[in-house]
């Protein structure tokens, strides 16, 4: 119980992490292309 409270306290005190949504989307698309190449298919998801 104490460990859960400490983890919750740490989470609440942490600073927000800025996320660049467009950069994240670009990365996902890049990994999707790599997965398609590795699977040997040419279909787009």
Protein backbone atom coordinates (compact mmCIF):
# COMPACT_ATOMS: atom_id res chain seq x y z
CA UNK A 1 0.00 0.00 0.00
CA UNK A 2 2.83 2.40 0.88
CA UNK A 3 4.58 1.66 -2.41
CA UNK A 4 1.39 2.46 -4.34
CA UNK A 5 0.99 5.75 -2.48
CA UNK A 6 4.60 6.74 -3.15
CA UNK A 7 4.25 5.89 -6.86
CA UNK A 8 1.03 7.92 -7.03
CA UNK A 9 2.70 10.85 -5.30
CA UNK A 10 5.64 10.72 -7.71
CA UNK A 11 3.24 10.59 -10.67
CA UNK A 12 1.25 13.59 -9.41
CA UNK A 13 4.39 15.65 -8.79
CA UNK A 14 5.99 14.88 -12.14
CA UNK A 15 6.23 17.49 -14.88
CA UNK A 16 4.17 16.98 -18.03
CA UNK A 17 6.14 15.67 -20.99
CA UNK A 18 5.53 17.69 -24.14
CA UNK A 19 4.55 15.46 -27.06
CA UNK A 20 4.85 16.49 -30.70
CA UNK A 21 1.82 14.74 -32.19
CA UNK A 22 2.92 15.13 -35.81
CA UNK A 23 6.34 13.67 -35.00
CA UNK A 24 4.68 10.72 -33.25
CA UNK A 25 2.42 10.10 -36.27
CA UNK A 26 5.42 10.23 -38.61
CA UNK A 27 7.25 7.66 -36.47
CA UNK A 28 4.25 5.32 -36.48
CA UNK A 29 3.98 5.57 -40.26
CA UNK A 30 7.70 4.83 -40.59
CA UNK A 31 7.38 1.72 -38.42
CA UNK A 32 4.31 0.58 -40.36
CA UNK A 33 6.30 0.82 -43.61
CA UNK A 34 9.14 -1.18 -42.09
CA UNK A 35 6.69 -3.83 -40.85
CA UNK A 36 5.16 -4.10 -44.32
CA UNK A 37 8.60 -4.50 -45.89
CA UNK A 38 9.54 -7.21 -43.40
CA UNK A 39 6.28 -9.09 -43.89
CA UNK A 40 6.73 -9.08 -47.65
CA UNK A 41 3.40 -7.46 -48.41
CA UNK A 42 2.84 -4.31 -50.41
CA UNK A 43 -0.62 -3.41 -49.07
CA UNK A 44 -1.10 -0.11 -47.28
CA UNK A 45 -2.69 -0.16 -43.82
